[in-house]
Amino acid sequence: MPNSNKRTVKIDGHITSVFLETEFWEEILKLSKKENTTPDKIISKIDKTKNTSNLSSAIRLYVLNHLKGQL
């Protein structure tokens, strides 16, 4: 069973928490490294364009769509 952890991120200067499984967090870290940015900046971008009020869900969908695009 995946391990869900509370992650603290800064979005536009405000600190917030999201609950993400380790696997999703690892993908955000890989993406940030690949794009030469920080996880906080990627999550800020996700927050601005999300179609749901739940940021954790929006992050999971972002990662899923990114991975699907690599197929």
PDB file of N, CA and C in Angstrom:
ATOM      1  N   MET A   1       0.841  -1.178   0.000  1.00  0.00           N
ATOM      2  CA  MET A   1       0.000   0.000   0.000  1.00  0.00           C
ATOM      3  C   MET A   1       0.890   1.245   0.000  1.00  0.00           C
ATOM      4  N   PRO A   2       0.627   2.208  -0.888  1.00  0.00           N
ATOM      5  CA  PRO A   2       1.466   3.397  -0.955  1.00  0.00           C
ATOM      6  C   PRO A   2       1.416   4.197   0.339  1.00  0.00           C
ATOM      7  N   ASN A   3       2.517   4.834   0.640  1.00  0.00           N
ATOM      8  CA  ASN A   3       2.625   5.638   1.845  1.00  0.00           C
ATOM      9  C   ASN A   3       2.274   7.084   1.520  1.00  0.00           C
ATOM     10  N   SER A   4       1.260   7.645   2.192  1.00  0.00           N
ATOM     11  CA  SER A   4       0.856   9.026   1.973  1.00  0.00           C
ATOM     12  C   SER A   4       1.473   9.898   3.056  1.00  0.00           C
ATOM     13  N   ASN A   5       2.145  10.946   2.639  1.00  0.00           N
ATOM     14  CA  ASN A   5       2.821  11.814   3.589  1.00  0.00           C
ATOM     15  C   ASN A   5       2.381  13.253   3.428  1.00  0.00           C
ATOM     16  N   LYS A   6       2.414  13.964   4.529  1.00  0.00           N
ATOM     17  CA  LYS A   6       2.110  15.384   4.510  1.00  0.00           C
ATOM     18  C   LYS A   6       3.363  16.122   4.028  1.00  0.00           C
ATOM     19  N   ARG A   7       3.185  16.922   2.994  1.00  0.00           N
ATOM     20  CA  ARG A   7       4.287  17.702   2.420  1.00  0.00           C
ATOM     21  C   ARG A   7       3.958  19.180   2.605  1.00  0.00           C
ATOM     22  N   THR A   8       4.924  19.948   3.005  1.00  0.00           N
ATOM     23  CA  THR A   8       4.745  21.381   3.157  1.00  0.00           C
ATOM     24  C   THR A   8       5.347  22.068   1.948  1.00  0.00           C
ATOM     25  N   VAL A   9       4.546  22.914   1.300  1.00  0.00           N
ATOM     26  CA  VAL A   9       5.004  23.630   0.117  1.00  0.00           C
ATOM     27  C   VAL A   9       4.648  25.104   0.254  1.00  0.00           C
ATOM     28  N   LYS A  10       5.378  25.929  -0.479  1.00  0.00           N
ATOM     29  CA  LYS A  10       5.121  27.365  -0.479  1.00  0.00           C
ATOM     30  C   LYS A  10       4.567  27.747  -1.840  1.00  0.00           C
ATOM     31  N   ILE A  11       3.352  28.313  -1.831  1.00  0.00           N
ATOM     32  CA  ILE A  11       2.678  28.731  -3.052  1.00  0.00           C
ATOM     33  C   ILE A  11       2.471  30.235  -2.981  1.00  0.00           C
ATOM     34  N   ASP A  12       3.139  30.944  -3.877  1.00  0.00           N
ATOM     35  CA  ASP A  12       3.029  32.409  -3.910  1.00  0.00           C
ATOM     36  C   ASP A  12       3.233  33.035  -2.533  1.00  0.00           C
ATOM     37  N   GLY A  13       4.229  32.551  -1.816  1.00  0.00           N
ATOM     38  CA  GLY A  13       4.586  33.114  -0.519  1.00  0.00           C
ATOM     39  C   GLY A  13       3.789  32.580   0.658  1.00  0.00           C
ATOM     40  N   HIS A  14       2.808  31.720   0.405  1.00  0.00           N
ATOM     41  CA  HIS A  14       1.992  31.147   1.472  1.00  0.00           C
ATOM     42  C   HIS A  14       2.336  29.678   1.652  1.00  0.00           C
ATOM     43  N   ILE A  15       2.521  29.277   2.886  1.00  0.00           N
ATOM     44  CA  ILE A  15       2.834  27.885   3.175  1.00  0.00           C
ATOM     45  C   ILE A  15       1.534  27.104   3.315  1.00  0.00           C
ATOM     46  N   THR A  16       1.497  25.956   2.682  1.00  0.00           N
ATOM     47  CA  THR A  16       0.343  25.064   2.770  1.00  0.00           C
ATOM     48  C   THR A  16       0.838  23.625   2.803  1.00  0.00           C
ATOM     49  N   SER A  17      -0.039  22.732   3.136  1.00  0.00           N
ATOM     50  CA  SER A  17       0.316  21.313   3.186  1.00  0.00           C
ATOM     51  C   SER A  17      -0.528  20.530   2.202  1.00  0.00           C
ATOM     52  N   VAL A  18       0.083  19.512   1.628  1.00  0.00           N
ATOM     53  CA  VAL A  18      -0.614  18.581   0.758  1.00  0.00           C
ATOM     54  C   VAL A  18      -0.264  17.171   1.215  1.00  0.00           C
ATOM     55  N   PHE A  19      -1.196  16.264   1.014  1.00  0.00           N
ATOM     56  CA  PHE A  19      -0.951  14.861   1.324  1.00  0.00           C
ATOM     57  C   PHE A  19      -0.762  14.124   0.013  1.00  0.00           C
ATOM     58  N   LEU A  20       0.463  13.620  -0.180  1.00  0.00           N
ATOM     59  CA  LEU A  20       0.797  12.912  -1.414  1.00  0.00           C
ATOM     60  C   LEU A  20       1.503  11.612  -1.088  1.00  0.00           C
ATOM     61  N   GLU A  21       1.171  10.597  -1.866  1.00  0.00           N
ATOM     62  CA  GLU A  21       1.903   9.347  -1.747  1.00  0.00           C
ATOM     63  C   GLU A  21       3.338   9.586  -2.188  1.00  0.00           C
ATOM     64  N   THR A  22       4.241   8.824  -1.624  1.00  0.00           N
ATOM     65  CA  THR A  22       5.668   8.964  -1.906  1.00  0.00           C
ATOM     66  C   THR A  22       5.951   8.906  -3.402  1.00  0.00           C
ATOM     67  N   GLU A  23       5.265   8.023  -4.104  1.00  0.00           N
ATOM     68  CA  GLU A  23       5.502   7.862  -5.540  1.00  0.00           C
ATOM     69  C   GLU A  23       5.189   9.140  -6.319  1.00  0.00           C
ATOM     70  N   PHE A  24       4.104   9.824  -5.955  1.00  0.00           N
ATOM     71  CA  PHE A  24       3.759  11.078  -6.630  1.00  0.00           C
ATOM     72  C   PHE A  24       4.762  12.172  -6.283  1.00  0.00           C
ATOM     73  N   TRP A  25       5.182  12.229  -5.024  1.00  0.00           N
ATOM     74  CA  TRP A  25       6.169  13.229  -4.623  1.00  0.00           C
ATOM     75  C   TRP A  25       7.488  13.005  -5.364  1.00  0.00           C
ATOM     76  N   GLU A  26       7.888  11.755  -5.499  1.00  0.00           N
ATOM     77  CA  GLU A  26       9.129  11.447  -6.219  1.00  0.00           C
ATOM     78  C   GLU A  26       9.038  11.910  -7.673  1.00  0.00           C
ATOM     79  N   GLU A  27       7.875  11.766  -8.288  1.00  0.00           N
ATOM     80  CA  GLU A  27       7.703  12.237  -9.675  1.00  0.00           C
ATOM     81  C   GLU A  27       7.773  13.758  -9.755  1.00  0.00           C
ATOM     82  N   ILE A  28       7.216  14.456  -8.777  1.00  0.00           N
ATOM     83  CA  ILE A  28       7.326  15.921  -8.741  1.00  0.00           C
ATOM     84  C   ILE A  28       8.791  16.323  -8.608  1.00  0.00           C
ATOM     85  N   LEU A  29       9.544  15.611  -7.783  1.00  0.00           N
ATOM     86  CA  LEU A  29      10.975  15.907  -7.637  1.00  0.00           C
ATOM     87  C   LEU A  29      11.726  15.682  -8.950  1.00  0.00           C
ATOM     88  N   LYS A  30      11.399  14.579  -9.647  1.00  0.00           N
ATOM     89  CA  LYS A  30      12.034  14.298 -10.943  1.00  0.00           C
ATOM     90  C   LYS A  30      11.698  15.391 -11.959  1.00  0.00           C
ATOM     91  N   LEU A  31      10.423  15.793 -11.993  1.00  0.00           N
ATOM     92  CA  LEU A  31      10.002  16.847 -12.921  1.00  0.00           C
ATOM     93  C   LEU A  31      10.712  18.163 -12.632  1.00  0.00           C
ATOM     94  N   SER A  32      10.825  18.499 -11.362  1.00  0.00           N
ATOM     95  CA  SER A  32      11.477  19.764 -11.014  1.00  0.00           C
ATOM     96  C   SER A  32      12.950  19.745 -11.409  1.00  0.00           C
ATOM     97  N   LYS A  33      13.586  18.607 -11.251  1.00  0.00           N
ATOM     98  CA  LYS A  33      14.983  18.483 -11.654  1.00  0.00           C
ATOM     99  C   LYS A  33      15.115  18.594 -13.174  1.00  0.00           C
ATOM    100  N   LYS A  34      14.231  17.898 -13.884  1.00  0.00           N
ATOM    101  CA  LYS A  34      14.244  17.900 -15.345  1.00  0.00           C
ATOM    102  C   LYS A  34      13.989  19.304 -15.900  1.00  0.00           C
ATOM    103  N   GLU A  35      13.082  20.046 -15.258  1.00  0.00           N
ATOM    104  CA  GLU A  35      12.721  21.385 -15.715  1.00  0.00           C
ATOM    105  C   GLU A  35      13.568  22.485 -15.071  1.00  0.00           C
ATOM    106  N   ASN A  36      14.563  22.060 -14.286  1.00  0.00           N
ATOM    107  CA  ASN A  36      15.474  22.998 -13.618  1.00  0.00           C
ATOM    108  C   ASN A  36      14.713  24.054 -12.806  1.00  0.00           C
ATOM    109  N   THR A  37      13.807  23.561 -11.968  1.00  0.00           N
ATOM    110  CA  THR A  37      13.003  24.433 -11.121  1.00  0.00           C
ATOM    111  C   THR A  37      12.817  23.746  -9.776  1.00  0.00           C
ATOM    112  N   THR A  38      11.927  24.253  -8.967  1.00  0.00           N
ATOM    113  CA  THR A  38      11.686  23.668  -7.649  1.00  0.00           C
ATOM    114  C   THR A  38      10.307  23.013  -7.619  1.00  0.00           C
ATOM    115  N   PRO A  39      10.118  22.056  -6.720  1.00  0.00           N
ATOM    116  CA  PRO A  39       8.784  21.472  -6.563  1.00  0.00           C
ATOM    117  C   PRO A  39       7.734  22.540  -6.236  1.00  0.00           C
ATOM    118  N   ASP A  40       8.102  23.519  -5.412  1.00  0.00           N
ATOM    119  CA  ASP A  40       7.153  24.585  -5.057  1.00  0.00           C
ATOM    120  C   ASP A  40       6.674  25.351  -6.286  1.00  0.00           C
ATOM    121  N   LYS A  41       7.563  25.614  -7.218  1.00  0.00           N
ATOM    122  CA  LYS A  41       7.169  26.347  -8.426  1.00  0.00           C
ATOM    123  C   LYS A  41       6.257  25.511  -9.317  1.00  0.00           C
ATOM    124  N   ILE A  42       6.543  24.222  -9.426  1.00  0.00           N
ATOM    125  CA  ILE A  42       5.671  23.343 -10.203  1.00  0.00           C
ATOM    126  C   ILE A  42       4.293  23.282  -9.555  1.00  0.00           C
ATOM    127  N   ILE A  43       4.256  23.135  -8.241  1.00  0.00           N
ATOM    128  CA  ILE A  43       2.985  23.044  -7.532  1.00  0.00           C
ATOM    129  C   ILE A  43       2.228  24.375  -7.599  1.00  0.00           C
ATOM    130  N   SER A  44       2.929  25.481  -7.584  1.00  0.00           N
ATOM    131  CA  SER A  44       2.277  26.790  -7.759  1.00  0.00           C
ATOM    132  C   SER A  44       1.599  26.863  -9.118  1.00  0.00           C
ATOM    133  N   LYS A  45       2.282  26.363 -10.142  1.00  0.00           N
ATOM    134  CA  LYS A  45       1.702  26.341 -11.492  1.00  0.00           C
ATOM    135  C   LYS A  45       0.468  25.448 -11.528  1.00  0.00           C
ATOM    136  N   ILE A  46       0.555  24.309 -10.885  1.00  0.00           N
ATOM    137  CA  ILE A  46      -0.589  23.399 -10.820  1.00  0.00           C
ATOM    138  C   ILE A  46      -1.752  24.077 -10.101  1.00  0.00           C
ATOM    139  N   ASP A  47      -1.460  24.756  -9.005  1.00  0.00           N
ATOM    140  CA  ASP A  47      -2.494  25.419  -8.219  1.00  0.00           C
ATOM    141  C   ASP A  47      -3.236  26.470  -9.045  1.00  0.00           C
ATOM    142  N   LYS A  48      -2.520  27.191  -9.874  1.00  0.00           N
ATOM    143  CA  LYS A  48      -3.126  28.257 -10.682  1.00  0.00           C
ATOM    144  C   LYS A  48      -4.007  27.715 -11.799  1.00  0.00           C
ATOM    145  N   THR A  49      -3.757  26.488 -12.243  1.00  0.00           N
ATOM    146  CA  THR A  49      -4.492  25.950 -13.388  1.00  0.00           C
ATOM    147  C   THR A  49      -5.393  24.767 -13.039  1.00  0.00           C
ATOM    148  N   LYS A  50      -5.501  24.445 -11.765  1.00  0.00           N
ATOM    149  CA  LYS A  50      -6.263  23.249 -11.370  1.00  0.00           C
ATOM    150  C   LYS A  50      -7.759  23.421 -11.613  1.00  0.00           C
ATOM    151  N   ASN A  51      -8.424  22.291 -11.888  1.00  0.00           N
ATOM    152  CA  ASN A  51      -9.872  22.259 -12.125  1.00  0.00           C
ATOM    153  C   ASN A  51     -10.624  21.679 -10.938  1.00  0.00           C
ATOM    154  N   THR A  52      -9.958  21.547  -9.809  1.00  0.00           N
ATOM    155  CA  THR A  52     -10.544  20.989  -8.594  1.00  0.00           C
ATOM    156  C   THR A  52     -10.119  21.849  -7.411  1.00  0.00           C
ATOM    157  N   SER A  53     -10.878  21.815  -6.345  1.00  0.00           N
ATOM    158  CA  SER A  53     -10.501  22.599  -5.166  1.00  0.00           C
ATOM    159  C   SER A  53      -9.445  21.880  -4.335  1.00  0.00           C
ATOM    160  N   ASN A  54      -9.217  20.605  -4.628  1.00  0.00           N
ATOM    161  CA  ASN A  54      -8.270  19.814  -3.862  1.00  0.00           C
ATOM    162  C   ASN A  54      -6.903  19.815  -4.550  1.00  0.00           C
ATOM    163  N   LEU A  55      -5.937  20.479  -3.931  1.00  0.00           N
ATOM    164  CA  LEU A  55      -4.605  20.601  -4.526  1.00  0.00           C
ATOM    165  C   LEU A  55      -3.901  19.257  -4.639  1.00  0.00           C
ATOM    166  N   SER A  56      -4.034  18.407  -3.644  1.00  0.00           N
ATOM    167  CA  SER A  56      -3.385  17.088  -3.703  1.00  0.00           C
ATOM    168  C   SER A  56      -3.883  16.297  -4.910  1.00  0.00           C
ATOM    169  N   SER A  57      -5.188  16.325  -5.147  1.00  0.00           N
ATOM    170  CA  SER A  57      -5.751  15.633  -6.311  1.00  0.00           C
ATOM    171  C   SER A  57      -5.234  16.246  -7.605  1.00  0.00           C
ATOM    172  N   ALA A  58      -5.154  17.560  -7.646  1.00  0.00           N
ATOM    173  CA  ALA A  58      -4.661  18.241  -8.841  1.00  0.00           C
ATOM    174  C   ALA A  58      -3.215  17.847  -9.134  1.00  0.00           C
ATOM    175  N   ILE A  59      -2.412  17.700  -8.106  1.00  0.00           N
ATOM    176  CA  ILE A  59      -1.009  17.287  -8.287  1.00  0.00           C
ATOM    177  C   ILE A  59      -0.955  15.865  -8.845  1.00  0.00           C
ATOM    178  N   ARG A  60      -1.763  14.984  -8.288  1.00  0.00           N
ATOM    179  CA  ARG A  60      -1.787  13.592  -8.781  1.00  0.00           C
ATOM    180  C   ARG A  60      -2.188  13.549 -10.255  1.00  0.00           C
ATOM    181  N   LEU A  61      -3.204  14.319 -10.621  1.00  0.00           N
ATOM    182  CA  LEU A  61      -3.637  14.353 -12.022  1.00  0.00           C
ATOM    183  C   LEU A  61      -2.556  14.930 -12.928  1.00  0.00           C
ATOM    184  N   TYR A  62      -1.865  15.940 -12.466  1.00  0.00           N
ATOM    185  CA  TYR A  62      -0.778  16.545 -13.238  1.00  0.00           C
ATOM    186  C   TYR A  62       0.317  15.510 -13.503  1.00  0.00           C
ATOM    187  N   VAL A  63       0.706  14.791 -12.463  1.00  0.00           N
ATOM    188  CA  VAL A  63       1.745  13.766 -12.607  1.00  0.00           C
ATOM    189  C   VAL A  63       1.251  12.658 -13.541  1.00  0.00           C
ATOM    190  N   LEU A  64       0.027  12.201 -13.343  1.00  0.00           N
ATOM    191  CA  LEU A  64      -0.525  11.154 -14.196  1.00  0.00           C
ATOM    192  C   LEU A  64      -0.527  11.585 -15.657  1.00  0.00           C
ATOM    193  N   ASN A  65      -1.005  12.782 -15.932  1.00  0.00           N
ATOM    194  CA  ASN A  65      -1.048  13.271 -17.312  1.00  0.00           C
ATOM    195  C   ASN A  65       0.348  13.430 -17.892  1.00  0.00           C
ATOM    196  N   HIS A  66       1.300  13.851 -17.082  1.00  0.00           N
ATOM    197  CA  HIS A  66       2.678  13.949 -17.543  1.00  0.00           C
ATOM    198  C   HIS A  66       3.219  12.568 -17.930  1.00  0.00           C
ATOM    199  N   LEU A  67       2.986  11.597 -17.067  1.00  0.00           N
ATOM    200  CA  LEU A  67       3.480  10.248 -17.331  1.00  0.00           C
ATOM    201  C   LEU A  67       2.787   9.632 -18.546  1.00  0.00           C
ATOM    202  N   LYS A  68       1.501   9.872 -18.709  1.00  0.00           N
ATOM    203  CA  LYS A  68       0.770   9.358 -19.862  1.00  0.00           C
ATOM    204  C   LYS A  68       1.330   9.967 -21.157  1.00  0.00           C
ATOM    205  N   GLY A  69       1.766  11.207 -21.087  1.00  0.00           N
ATOM    206  CA  GLY A  69       2.327  11.872 -22.247  1.00  0.00           C
ATOM    207  C   GLY A  69       3.676  11.310 -22.667  1.00  0.00           C
ATOM    208  N   GLN A  70       4.333  10.586 -21.772  1.00  0.00           N
ATOM    209  CA  GLN A  70       5.638  10.000 -22.076  1.00  0.00           C
ATOM    210  C   GLN A  70       5.524   8.656 -22.774  1.00  0.00           C
ATOM    211  N   LEU A  71       4.319   8.102 -22.816  1.00  0.00           N
ATOM    212  CA  LEU A  71       4.137   6.777 -23.423  1.00  0.00           C
ATOM    213  C   LEU A  71       4.307   6.817 -24.931  1.00  0.00           C
TER     214      LEU A  71
END
